[in-house]
Every structure is written in C-alpha cells, then in structure tokens.
Amino acid sequence: RSGLLAARLAAGAAPGDTVLLSGPLGAGKTCFARGFIRAVLGDPRAAVTSPTYLLDNTYEAPGGVTMHHMDLYRLKEGADLSVLGIEDAIAGSICLFEWAEGRIDDMLPAARLEVRIEQPVDEEAEAAAEEEPSEFFVDDSVDVGTRHVTLRAYGDAWAERVKAAVS
C-alpha cells in the first residue's frame, strides 16, 4: 500500500524534487522508494533495490531525467559527502534519501517532502523470535501489518501533490 501512495506522489515528479524517507529498520522505506521510482520510470516491474551497500542507485527515467535513491545509514554525521555529489544531484535530479537525518540538513532544498514510515510492533512475533532463532525471508508483497505514514510537505508544489495523493 505504501508503494501505491508513493506512485501517486510521483505524479509530476521533476528534477529538483527531493524526498526524505525515515523510519526504523524494516519499516518500508525502500518499498516506498520502489513504488515512487517505478511510477516515474513507467515500469511496474523495474528492478529497484536497496542502495544500502552501494549508497546510491541511479535510474534514468523517460526524457533523460536522472533519479538518485541514496541510503546514508552507514555514513557518520559530519562525514565528507562531497564525493557522493549530493548537492548536484539535488539540483538536477529527482532524489530519494533514506536515513538522511542529521547528515545532509544543510544541503536540503526548501521545497521537499519528508516521509516518516512506522510499523506497529507485533509483540507476539517478537516474543516468538526471542524464544527460538530462525531464518526468514521478507517478501514486500506480504501485508505484515498496518504502516503509519506521515507526510510533511515543504513548499506549495509538494503540498498540492500530497493533497492529490491522499484524496
């Protein structure tokens, strides 16, 4: 469901759009980004993976628009981010950032969308996991509970897109 919301928010996406995704591990940040990126690409089956290890996955959308999906989790606050070209990416591309909190605050454009995703804790599942460890696979098509998504729009354009996406 968060992918559908993301796809609606992607309508009209253009260079300069910046989306910040936050939430705990496993909340669905990458699933949200996948829905957004697939919508912009116009391909519901496009391979969109987590940028955790590469830091930046880049996609070319129709019309020559570049999209960056970055995961800044492993970067420490105050790290030299110039090597990633974040300021140039923000200025000329569509950017989705996971784990940006406190890392790129001084680079953020005034107009942006902040998305906070939270998933309620399943206390029974946590108790079972503590009792006996097991291997598991996560399939993002499985509904594992209700996610709470908070959208904070900065700027009139994002405010209009959020309004259209949730109505």
N, C-alpha and C. Protein backbone atom coordinates (compact mmCIF):
# COMPACT_ATOMS: atom_id res chain seq x y z
N ARG A 1 0.82 -1.21 0.00
CA ARG A 1 0.00 0.00 0.00
C ARG A 1 0.85 1.26 0.00
N SER A 2 2.00 1.20 0.67
CA SER A 2 2.85 2.40 0.67
C SER A 2 3.40 2.64 -0.73
N GLY A 3 3.56 1.57 -1.52
CA GLY A 3 4.01 1.72 -2.90
C GLY A 3 3.00 2.46 -3.75
N LEU A 4 1.71 2.21 -3.50
CA LEU A 4 0.65 2.91 -4.23
C LEU A 4 0.65 4.39 -3.86
N LEU A 5 0.77 4.69 -2.58
CA LEU A 5 0.85 6.09 -2.15
C LEU A 5 2.06 6.76 -2.79
N ALA A 6 3.19 6.07 -2.79
CA ALA A 6 4.41 6.62 -3.40
C ALA A 6 4.20 6.88 -4.88
N ALA A 7 3.54 5.96 -5.57
CA ALA A 7 3.29 6.15 -7.00
C ALA A 7 2.42 7.38 -7.24
N ARG A 8 1.44 7.59 -6.39
CA ARG A 8 0.60 8.79 -6.53
C ARG A 8 1.41 10.06 -6.29
N LEU A 9 2.31 10.02 -5.33
CA LEU A 9 3.15 11.19 -5.04
C LEU A 9 4.16 11.44 -6.16
N ALA A 10 4.49 10.41 -6.92
CA ALA A 10 5.45 10.54 -8.01
C ALA A 10 4.87 11.26 -9.22
N ALA A 11 3.54 11.37 -9.28
CA ALA A 11 2.92 12.05 -10.41
C ALA A 11 3.47 13.47 -10.52
N GLY A 12 3.99 13.79 -11.68
CA GLY A 12 4.54 15.13 -11.90
C GLY A 12 5.95 15.30 -11.38
N ALA A 13 6.62 14.22 -10.99
CA ALA A 13 7.98 14.32 -10.48
C ALA A 13 8.89 14.95 -11.51
N ALA A 14 9.81 15.79 -11.03
CA ALA A 14 10.70 16.53 -11.93
C ALA A 14 12.04 16.76 -11.24
N PRO A 15 13.07 17.03 -12.04
CA PRO A 15 14.37 17.35 -11.44
C PRO A 15 14.22 18.44 -10.37
N GLY A 16 14.92 18.25 -9.27
CA GLY A 16 14.83 19.16 -8.14
C GLY A 16 13.95 18.62 -7.04
N ASP A 17 13.12 17.60 -7.34
CA ASP A 17 12.27 17.00 -6.31
C ASP A 17 13.15 16.22 -5.35
N THR A 18 12.92 16.43 -4.07
CA THR A 18 13.68 15.74 -3.03
C THR A 18 12.71 15.12 -2.04
N VAL A 19 12.90 13.81 -1.77
CA VAL A 19 12.07 13.08 -0.84
C VAL A 19 12.98 12.47 0.21
N LEU A 20 12.68 12.72 1.48
CA LEU A 20 13.44 12.16 2.59
C LEU A 20 12.59 11.08 3.24
N LEU A 21 13.15 9.88 3.37
CA LEU A 21 12.44 8.75 3.94
C LEU A 21 13.05 8.39 5.29
N SER A 22 12.23 8.34 6.31
CA SER A 22 12.74 7.98 7.63
C SER A 22 11.82 6.96 8.28
N GLY A 23 12.38 6.27 9.24
CA GLY A 23 11.65 5.24 9.96
C GLY A 23 12.64 4.18 10.39
N PRO A 24 12.22 3.31 11.29
CA PRO A 24 13.12 2.27 11.78
C PRO A 24 13.45 1.25 10.70
N LEU A 25 14.48 0.44 10.96
CA LEU A 25 14.83 -0.64 10.05
C LEU A 25 13.61 -1.50 9.78
N GLY A 26 13.38 -1.82 8.51
CA GLY A 26 12.28 -2.69 8.15
C GLY A 26 10.92 -2.03 8.07
N ALA A 27 10.86 -0.72 8.22
CA ALA A 27 9.57 -0.02 8.20
C ALA A 27 8.96 0.04 6.81
N GLY A 28 9.78 0.01 5.77
CA GLY A 28 9.25 0.07 4.41
C GLY A 28 9.76 1.24 3.59
N LYS A 29 10.88 1.82 3.99
CA LYS A 29 11.43 2.96 3.25
C LYS A 29 11.78 2.59 1.81
N THR A 30 12.45 1.46 1.64
CA THR A 30 12.84 1.04 0.29
C THR A 30 11.61 0.63 -0.52
N CYS A 31 10.61 0.02 0.12
CA CYS A 31 9.37 -0.32 -0.60
C CYS A 31 8.67 0.95 -1.10
N PHE A 32 8.67 1.98 -0.28
CA PHE A 32 8.10 3.26 -0.68
C PHE A 32 8.88 3.82 -1.87
N ALA A 33 10.21 3.82 -1.76
CA ALA A 33 11.05 4.33 -2.84
C ALA A 33 10.82 3.53 -4.12
N ARG A 34 10.66 2.21 -4.00
CA ARG A 34 10.42 1.35 -5.16
C ARG A 34 9.15 1.77 -5.88
N GLY A 35 8.07 2.03 -5.14
CA GLY A 35 6.82 2.46 -5.75
C GLY A 35 6.97 3.79 -6.47
N PHE A 36 7.69 4.71 -5.85
CA PHE A 36 7.91 6.04 -6.43
C PHE A 36 8.73 5.92 -7.72
N ILE A 37 9.84 5.21 -7.63
CA ILE A 37 10.75 5.09 -8.78
C ILE A 37 10.08 4.36 -9.93
N ARG A 38 9.39 3.27 -9.65
CA ARG A 38 8.69 2.54 -10.72
C ARG A 38 7.65 3.41 -11.41
N ALA A 39 6.96 4.25 -10.64
CA ALA A 39 5.97 5.15 -11.23
C ALA A 39 6.63 6.15 -12.16
N VAL A 40 7.74 6.73 -11.74
CA VAL A 40 8.43 7.71 -12.59
C VAL A 40 8.99 7.01 -13.84
N LEU A 41 9.51 5.81 -13.68
CA LEU A 41 10.04 5.06 -14.82
C LEU A 41 8.93 4.58 -15.75
N GLY A 42 7.71 4.49 -15.23
CA GLY A 42 6.60 3.97 -16.02
C GLY A 42 6.70 2.47 -16.21
N ASP A 43 7.37 1.79 -15.28
CA ASP A 43 7.60 0.35 -15.38
C ASP A 43 7.32 -0.30 -14.03
N PRO A 44 6.15 -0.94 -13.87
CA PRO A 44 5.80 -1.53 -12.57
C PRO A 44 6.65 -2.73 -12.18
N ARG A 45 7.48 -3.21 -13.09
CA ARG A 45 8.34 -4.36 -12.77
C ARG A 45 9.83 -3.99 -12.74
N ALA A 46 10.13 -2.72 -12.81
CA ALA A 46 11.54 -2.30 -12.81
C ALA A 46 12.25 -2.81 -11.56
N ALA A 47 13.48 -3.26 -11.74
CA ALA A 47 14.27 -3.73 -10.61
C ALA A 47 14.75 -2.52 -9.81
N VAL A 48 14.20 -2.36 -8.63
CA VAL A 48 14.57 -1.26 -7.74
C VAL A 48 15.00 -1.91 -6.43
N THR A 49 16.27 -1.82 -6.14
CA THR A 49 16.82 -2.48 -4.95
C THR A 49 17.28 -1.45 -3.92
N SER A 50 17.53 -1.94 -2.73
CA SER A 50 18.02 -1.08 -1.67
C SER A 50 19.43 -0.59 -1.99
N PRO A 51 19.69 0.69 -1.77
CA PRO A 51 21.04 1.21 -2.01
C PRO A 51 21.96 1.10 -0.79
N THR A 52 21.61 0.26 0.16
CA THR A 52 22.35 0.17 1.41
C THR A 52 23.85 -0.01 1.20
N TYR A 53 24.25 -0.90 0.31
CA TYR A 53 25.67 -1.20 0.16
C TYR A 53 26.34 -0.33 -0.90
N LEU A 54 25.59 0.10 -1.90
CA LEU A 54 26.17 0.94 -2.95
C LEU A 54 26.08 2.42 -2.61
N LEU A 55 25.26 2.77 -1.66
CA LEU A 55 24.97 4.14 -1.22
C LEU A 55 24.08 4.91 -2.19
N ASP A 56 24.25 4.69 -3.51
CA ASP A 56 23.48 5.45 -4.50
C ASP A 56 23.12 4.55 -5.67
N ASN A 57 21.83 4.28 -5.84
CA ASN A 57 21.34 3.60 -7.04
C ASN A 57 20.77 4.68 -7.95
N THR A 58 21.19 4.68 -9.19
CA THR A 58 20.78 5.71 -10.14
C THR A 58 19.91 5.09 -11.22
N TYR A 59 18.86 5.80 -11.60
CA TYR A 59 17.92 5.34 -12.62
C TYR A 59 17.72 6.45 -13.64
N GLU A 60 17.57 6.08 -14.90
CA GLU A 60 17.28 7.04 -15.97
C GLU A 60 15.82 6.91 -16.35
N ALA A 61 15.07 7.97 -16.16
CA ALA A 61 13.64 7.99 -16.47
C ALA A 61 13.44 8.51 -17.89
N PRO A 62 12.25 8.29 -18.44
CA PRO A 62 11.96 8.84 -19.77
C PRO A 62 12.23 10.35 -19.80
N GLY A 63 12.69 10.82 -20.92
CA GLY A 63 13.00 12.24 -21.06
C GLY A 63 14.38 12.59 -20.55
N GLY A 64 15.17 11.57 -20.19
CA GLY A 64 16.53 11.83 -19.73
C GLY A 64 16.64 12.31 -18.30
N VAL A 65 15.58 12.14 -17.51
CA VAL A 65 15.59 12.57 -16.12
C VAL A 65 16.32 11.52 -15.28
N THR A 66 17.26 11.96 -14.47
CA THR A 66 18.01 11.07 -13.59
C THR A 66 17.38 11.06 -12.21
N MET A 67 17.29 9.85 -11.64
CA MET A 67 16.81 9.70 -10.27
C MET A 67 17.90 9.05 -9.44
N HIS A 68 18.11 9.58 -8.24
CA HIS A 68 19.05 9.00 -7.29
C HIS A 68 18.28 8.49 -6.09
N HIS A 69 18.56 7.26 -5.71
CA HIS A 69 18.00 6.68 -4.49
C HIS A 69 19.19 6.37 -3.60
N MET A 70 19.36 7.18 -2.55
CA MET A 70 20.54 7.07 -1.70
C MET A 70 20.17 6.61 -0.30
N ASP A 71 21.05 5.79 0.26
CA ASP A 71 20.91 5.33 1.64
C ASP A 71 22.14 5.81 2.40
N LEU A 72 21.93 6.70 3.34
CA LEU A 72 23.03 7.32 4.07
C LEU A 72 23.25 6.71 5.45
N TYR A 73 22.63 5.57 5.71
CA TYR A 73 22.67 4.93 7.02
C TYR A 73 24.09 4.71 7.54
N ARG A 74 24.97 4.21 6.69
CA ARG A 74 26.32 3.86 7.14
C ARG A 74 27.26 5.07 7.25
N LEU A 75 26.79 6.24 6.86
CA LEU A 75 27.64 7.42 6.91
C LEU A 75 27.47 8.13 8.25
N LYS A 76 28.56 8.50 8.82
CA LYS A 76 28.52 9.19 10.10
C LYS A 76 28.19 10.67 9.89
N GLU A 77 27.56 11.27 10.91
CA GLU A 77 27.32 12.71 10.86
C GLU A 77 28.64 13.42 10.68
N GLY A 78 28.66 14.43 9.81
CA GLY A 78 29.86 15.19 9.58
C GLY A 78 30.80 14.55 8.57
N ALA A 79 30.41 13.39 8.02
CA ALA A 79 31.25 12.74 7.01
C ALA A 79 31.33 13.62 5.76
N ASP A 80 32.41 13.49 5.02
CA ASP A 80 32.57 14.25 3.78
C ASP A 80 31.67 13.62 2.72
N LEU A 81 30.57 14.28 2.44
CA LEU A 81 29.59 13.76 1.49
C LEU A 81 29.81 14.30 0.08
N SER A 82 30.82 15.14 -0.10
CA SER A 82 31.04 15.74 -1.42
C SER A 82 31.32 14.68 -2.47
N VAL A 83 31.91 13.57 -2.06
CA VAL A 83 32.24 12.50 -3.00
C VAL A 83 30.97 11.90 -3.63
N LEU A 84 29.84 11.99 -2.93
CA LEU A 84 28.59 11.47 -3.47
C LEU A 84 27.89 12.45 -4.42
N GLY A 85 28.34 13.70 -4.44
CA GLY A 85 27.74 14.68 -5.33
C GLY A 85 26.29 15.00 -4.98
N ILE A 86 25.98 15.01 -3.70
CA ILE A 86 24.60 15.19 -3.26
C ILE A 86 24.03 16.54 -3.68
N GLU A 87 24.80 17.60 -3.53
CA GLU A 87 24.26 18.92 -3.88
C GLU A 87 23.93 19.01 -5.37
N ASP A 88 24.78 18.46 -6.22
CA ASP A 88 24.50 18.46 -7.67
C ASP A 88 23.29 17.59 -7.98
N ALA A 89 23.20 16.44 -7.29
CA ALA A 89 22.07 15.54 -7.51
C ALA A 89 20.76 16.23 -7.14
N ILE A 90 20.74 16.90 -6.01
CA ILE A 90 19.53 17.59 -5.56
C ILE A 90 19.13 18.67 -6.57
N ALA A 91 20.11 19.37 -7.09
CA ALA A 91 19.82 20.48 -8.01
C ALA A 91 19.29 20.01 -9.36
N GLY A 92 19.78 18.86 -9.85
CA GLY A 92 19.43 18.49 -11.23
C GLY A 92 18.75 17.15 -11.42
N SER A 93 18.36 16.50 -10.32
CA SER A 93 17.77 15.16 -10.43
C SER A 93 16.59 15.04 -9.48
N ILE A 94 15.91 13.91 -9.57
CA ILE A 94 14.92 13.53 -8.58
C ILE A 94 15.68 12.71 -7.55
N CYS A 95 15.58 13.07 -6.27
CA CYS A 95 16.35 12.38 -5.23
C CYS A 95 15.46 11.83 -4.13
N LEU A 96 15.73 10.59 -3.78
CA LEU A 96 15.11 9.95 -2.62
C LEU A 96 16.23 9.55 -1.68
N PHE A 97 16.14 9.99 -0.44
CA PHE A 97 17.17 9.71 0.55
C PHE A 97 16.59 8.92 1.71
N GLU A 98 17.25 7.82 2.03
CA GLU A 98 16.93 7.09 3.25
C GLU A 98 18.00 7.46 4.28
N TRP A 99 17.58 7.59 5.53
CA TRP A 99 18.50 7.86 6.64
C TRP A 99 19.27 9.17 6.46
N ALA A 100 18.60 10.20 6.05
CA ALA A 100 19.26 11.49 5.84
C ALA A 100 19.36 12.33 7.11
N GLU A 101 18.62 11.97 8.14
CA GLU A 101 18.53 12.78 9.35
C GLU A 101 19.91 13.14 9.89
N GLY A 102 20.16 14.44 10.00
CA GLY A 102 21.40 14.94 10.59
C GLY A 102 22.62 14.81 9.69
N ARG A 103 22.45 14.28 8.50
CA ARG A 103 23.60 14.07 7.63
C ARG A 103 23.68 15.09 6.50
N ILE A 104 22.53 15.52 5.98
CA ILE A 104 22.55 16.45 4.84
C ILE A 104 21.63 17.65 5.07
N ASP A 105 21.33 17.92 6.33
CA ASP A 105 20.39 19.00 6.65
C ASP A 105 20.75 20.33 5.98
N ASP A 106 22.03 20.64 5.92
CA ASP A 106 22.44 21.93 5.35
C ASP A 106 22.40 21.93 3.82
N MET A 107 22.14 20.80 3.19
CA MET A 107 22.07 20.72 1.73
C MET A 107 20.63 20.67 1.22
N LEU A 108 19.68 20.51 2.10
CA LEU A 108 18.30 20.28 1.68
C LEU A 108 17.66 21.52 1.06
N PRO A 109 16.89 21.31 0.00
CA PRO A 109 16.16 22.43 -0.58
C PRO A 109 14.98 22.80 0.31
N ALA A 110 14.53 24.03 0.19
CA ALA A 110 13.38 24.47 0.99
C ALA A 110 12.14 23.65 0.62
N ALA A 111 11.95 23.38 -0.66
CA ALA A 111 10.81 22.58 -1.12
C ALA A 111 11.22 21.11 -1.14
N ARG A 112 10.54 20.32 -0.33
CA ARG A 112 10.86 18.89 -0.25
C ARG A 112 9.70 18.17 0.42
N LEU A 113 9.76 16.84 0.36
CA LEU A 113 8.76 16.02 1.03
C LEU A 113 9.48 15.13 2.02
N GLU A 114 9.00 15.13 3.26
CA GLU A 114 9.54 14.25 4.29
C GLU A 114 8.49 13.19 4.58
N VAL A 115 8.91 11.94 4.50
CA VAL A 115 8.03 10.79 4.70
C VAL A 115 8.53 9.99 5.88
N ARG A 116 7.70 9.83 6.89
CA ARG A 116 8.05 9.02 8.06
C ARG A 116 7.17 7.78 8.04
N ILE A 117 7.80 6.61 8.02
CA ILE A 117 7.07 5.35 7.97
C ILE A 117 7.33 4.59 9.27
N GLU A 118 6.25 4.18 9.89
CA GLU A 118 6.37 3.41 11.12
C GLU A 118 5.46 2.20 11.02
N GLN A 119 5.93 1.12 11.60
CA GLN A 119 5.15 -0.11 11.61
C GLN A 119 4.93 -0.51 13.05
N PRO A 120 3.67 -0.73 13.44
CA PRO A 120 3.41 -1.14 14.82
C PRO A 120 4.15 -2.43 15.15
N VAL A 121 4.53 -2.58 16.38
CA VAL A 121 5.26 -3.75 16.83
C VAL A 121 4.27 -4.90 17.04
N ASP A 122 4.61 -6.06 16.50
CA ASP A 122 3.83 -7.27 16.72
C ASP A 122 4.47 -7.98 17.91
N GLU A 123 3.92 -7.77 19.11
CA GLU A 123 4.53 -8.28 20.34
C GLU A 123 4.61 -9.80 20.36
N GLU A 124 3.60 -10.50 19.81
CA GLU A 124 3.64 -11.96 19.78
C GLU A 124 4.79 -12.46 18.91
N ALA A 125 4.97 -11.83 17.73
CA ALA A 125 6.05 -12.24 16.83
C ALA A 125 7.40 -11.98 17.47
N GLU A 126 7.54 -10.86 18.16
CA GLU A 126 8.81 -10.55 18.82
C GLU A 126 9.11 -11.57 19.91
N ALA A 127 8.10 -11.95 20.69
CA ALA A 127 8.30 -12.93 21.75
C ALA A 127 8.71 -14.27 21.17
N ALA A 128 8.08 -14.70 20.08
CA ALA A 128 8.42 -15.96 19.43
C ALA A 128 9.85 -15.92 18.89
N ALA A 129 10.24 -14.79 18.32
CA ALA A 129 11.59 -14.66 17.76
C ALA A 129 12.64 -14.74 18.86
N GLU A 130 12.32 -14.23 20.03
CA GLU A 130 13.27 -14.29 21.14
C GLU A 130 13.43 -15.72 21.65
N GLU A 131 12.36 -16.53 21.55
CA GLU A 131 12.41 -17.89 22.06
C GLU A 131 13.29 -18.79 21.21
N GLU A 132 13.12 -18.76 19.89
CA GLU A 132 13.96 -19.61 19.05
C GLU A 132 14.32 -18.89 17.76
N PRO A 133 15.60 -18.75 17.52
CA PRO A 133 16.03 -18.07 16.30
C PRO A 133 15.66 -18.90 15.07
N SER A 134 15.36 -18.22 13.99
CA SER A 134 15.06 -18.91 12.74
C SER A 134 15.45 -18.03 11.57
N GLU A 135 15.59 -18.66 10.42
CA GLU A 135 15.85 -17.89 9.21
C GLU A 135 14.51 -17.48 8.64
N PHE A 136 14.48 -16.36 8.00
CA PHE A 136 13.23 -15.92 7.38
C PHE A 136 13.55 -15.09 6.15
N PHE A 137 12.57 -15.00 5.29
CA PHE A 137 12.67 -14.21 4.09
C PHE A 137 11.57 -13.16 4.14
N VAL A 138 11.87 -11.98 3.67
CA VAL A 138 10.88 -10.91 3.65
C VAL A 138 10.42 -10.71 2.22
N ASP A 139 9.13 -10.75 2.01
CA ASP A 139 8.54 -10.52 0.69
C ASP A 139 7.73 -9.24 0.81
N ASP A 140 8.11 -8.20 0.07
CA ASP A 140 7.44 -6.91 0.25
C ASP A 140 5.99 -6.92 -0.23
N SER A 141 5.54 -8.02 -0.84
CA SER A 141 4.14 -8.09 -1.25
C SER A 141 3.25 -8.65 -0.14
N VAL A 142 3.85 -9.07 0.96
CA VAL A 142 3.08 -9.62 2.07
C VAL A 142 2.71 -8.49 3.01
N ASP A 143 1.44 -8.44 3.35
CA ASP A 143 0.98 -7.42 4.29
C ASP A 143 1.33 -7.89 5.70
N VAL A 144 2.30 -7.24 6.31
CA VAL A 144 2.74 -7.65 7.65
C VAL A 144 2.21 -6.72 8.73
N GLY A 145 1.22 -5.98 8.41
CA GLY A 145 0.64 -5.07 9.40
C GLY A 145 0.42 -3.70 8.81
N THR A 146 -0.26 -2.88 9.54
CA THR A 146 -0.55 -1.54 9.08
C THR A 146 0.64 -0.64 9.30
N ARG A 147 1.02 0.05 8.26
CA ARG A 147 2.10 1.03 8.38
C ARG A 147 1.48 2.41 8.55
N HIS A 148 2.10 3.19 9.39
CA HIS A 148 1.66 4.57 9.58
C HIS A 148 2.63 5.46 8.81
N VAL A 149 2.09 6.22 7.88
CA VAL A 149 2.92 7.08 7.04
C VAL A 149 2.54 8.53 7.33
N THR A 150 3.54 9.31 7.71
CA THR A 150 3.33 10.74 7.94
C THR A 150 4.04 11.50 6.83
N LEU A 151 3.30 12.35 6.15
CA LEU A 151 3.85 13.15 5.06
C LEU A 151 3.95 14.60 5.51
N ARG A 152 5.12 15.18 5.38
CA ARG A 152 5.32 16.58 5.71
C ARG A 152 5.83 17.28 4.46
N ALA A 153 4.98 18.10 3.88
CA ALA A 153 5.30 18.78 2.63
C ALA A 153 5.84 20.18 2.92
N TYR A 154 6.94 20.50 2.28
CA TYR A 154 7.53 21.84 2.35
C TYR A 154 7.42 22.44 0.96
N GLY A 155 6.72 23.54 0.86
CA GLY A 155 6.52 24.20 -0.43
C GLY A 155 5.14 23.89 -0.99
N ASP A 156 4.63 24.85 -1.77
CA ASP A 156 3.28 24.72 -2.31
C ASP A 156 3.12 23.54 -3.26
N ALA A 157 4.12 23.28 -4.09
CA ALA A 157 4.01 22.20 -5.07
C ALA A 157 3.88 20.85 -4.37
N TRP A 158 4.71 20.61 -3.35
CA TRP A 158 4.61 19.35 -2.62
C TRP A 158 3.28 19.28 -1.86
N ALA A 159 2.84 20.40 -1.31
CA ALA A 159 1.56 20.40 -0.58
C ALA A 159 0.41 19.99 -1.50
N GLU A 160 0.43 20.48 -2.73
CA GLU A 160 -0.61 20.11 -3.71
C GLU A 160 -0.52 18.63 -4.09
N ARG A 161 0.69 18.14 -4.26
CA ARG A 161 0.85 16.73 -4.63
C ARG A 161 0.40 15.81 -3.49
N VAL A 162 0.70 16.19 -2.26
CA VAL A 162 0.26 15.38 -1.13
C VAL A 162 -1.26 15.39 -1.05
N LYS A 163 -1.83 16.54 -1.21
CA LYS A 163 -3.31 16.66 -1.17
C LYS A 163 -3.95 15.77 -2.24
N ALA A 164 -3.40 15.81 -3.45
CA ALA A 164 -3.95 14.99 -4.55
C ALA A 164 -3.74 13.50 -4.28
N ALA A 165 -2.61 13.13 -3.70
CA ALA A 165 -2.28 11.73 -3.49
C ALA A 165 -3.14 11.08 -2.41
N VAL A 166 -3.54 11.83 -1.42
CA VAL A 166 -4.30 11.25 -0.32
C VAL A 166 -5.81 11.44 -0.46
N SER A 167 -6.25 12.14 -1.50
CA SER A 167 -7.70 12.32 -1.65
C SER A 167 -8.30 11.33 -2.60
